[in-house]
Protein backbone atom coordinates (compact mmCIF):
# COMPACT_ATOMS: atom_id res chain seq x y z
CA MET A 1 45.61 -109.91 -26.94
CA ARG A 2 47.07 -110.07 -23.65
CA GLY A 3 44.48 -111.31 -22.01
CA ILE A 4 44.07 -114.51 -24.20
CA ARG A 5 48.03 -115.03 -24.03
CA GLU A 6 47.69 -114.66 -20.03
CA THR A 7 44.60 -117.64 -20.28
CA ARG A 8 45.90 -119.82 -22.87
CA GLY A 9 48.89 -120.20 -19.67
CA GLU A 10 45.79 -120.68 -17.30
CA MET A 11 44.03 -123.07 -19.59
CA PRO A 12 46.73 -126.03 -19.65
CA ILE A 13 47.28 -125.80 -15.61
CA THR A 14 43.22 -126.37 -15.56
CA HIS A 15 43.04 -129.11 -18.01
CA TYR A 16 45.27 -131.53 -15.97
CA PRO A 17 42.41 -131.75 -13.46
CA LEU A 18 39.68 -131.30 -15.98
CA PRO A 19 40.64 -135.13 -17.33
CA ILE A 20 40.55 -136.29 -13.95
CA THR A 21 37.21 -135.04 -13.40
CA HIS A 22 35.96 -135.93 -16.71
CA TYR A 23 35.95 -139.24 -14.78
CA PRO A 24 33.20 -139.03 -12.20
CA LEU A 25 31.45 -136.75 -14.95
CA PRO A 26 30.26 -139.74 -17.40
CA ILE A 27 29.32 -141.86 -14.33
CA THR A 28 27.36 -138.62 -13.40
CA HIS A 29 25.96 -138.32 -16.96
CA TYR A 30 24.34 -141.46 -17.04
CA PRO A 31 21.83 -140.78 -14.17
CA LEU A 32 21.40 -137.28 -15.80
CA PRO A 33 19.60 -138.25 -19.29
CA ASN A 34 17.35 -140.70 -17.09
CA ASP A 35 16.32 -137.99 -15.10
CA LYS A 36 15.76 -136.14 -18.07
CA LEU A 37 13.99 -139.18 -19.19
CA GLN A 38 11.42 -139.63 -16.42
CA MET A 39 10.71 -135.93 -16.43
CA THR A 40 9.32 -136.42 -19.88
CA ASN A 41 7.31 -139.56 -19.01
CA THR A 42 6.15 -138.16 -16.04
CA LYS A 43 4.70 -135.60 -18.55
């Protein structure tokens, strides 16, 4: 139970940089689905 409490404290600290990284993530998500679609088309 102590581990969960320790992870909960670190989680909020890591959540801050997460939203900042979320911006570039959606931009990279676009080419990701396209690559998967192309792979299926090539198959």
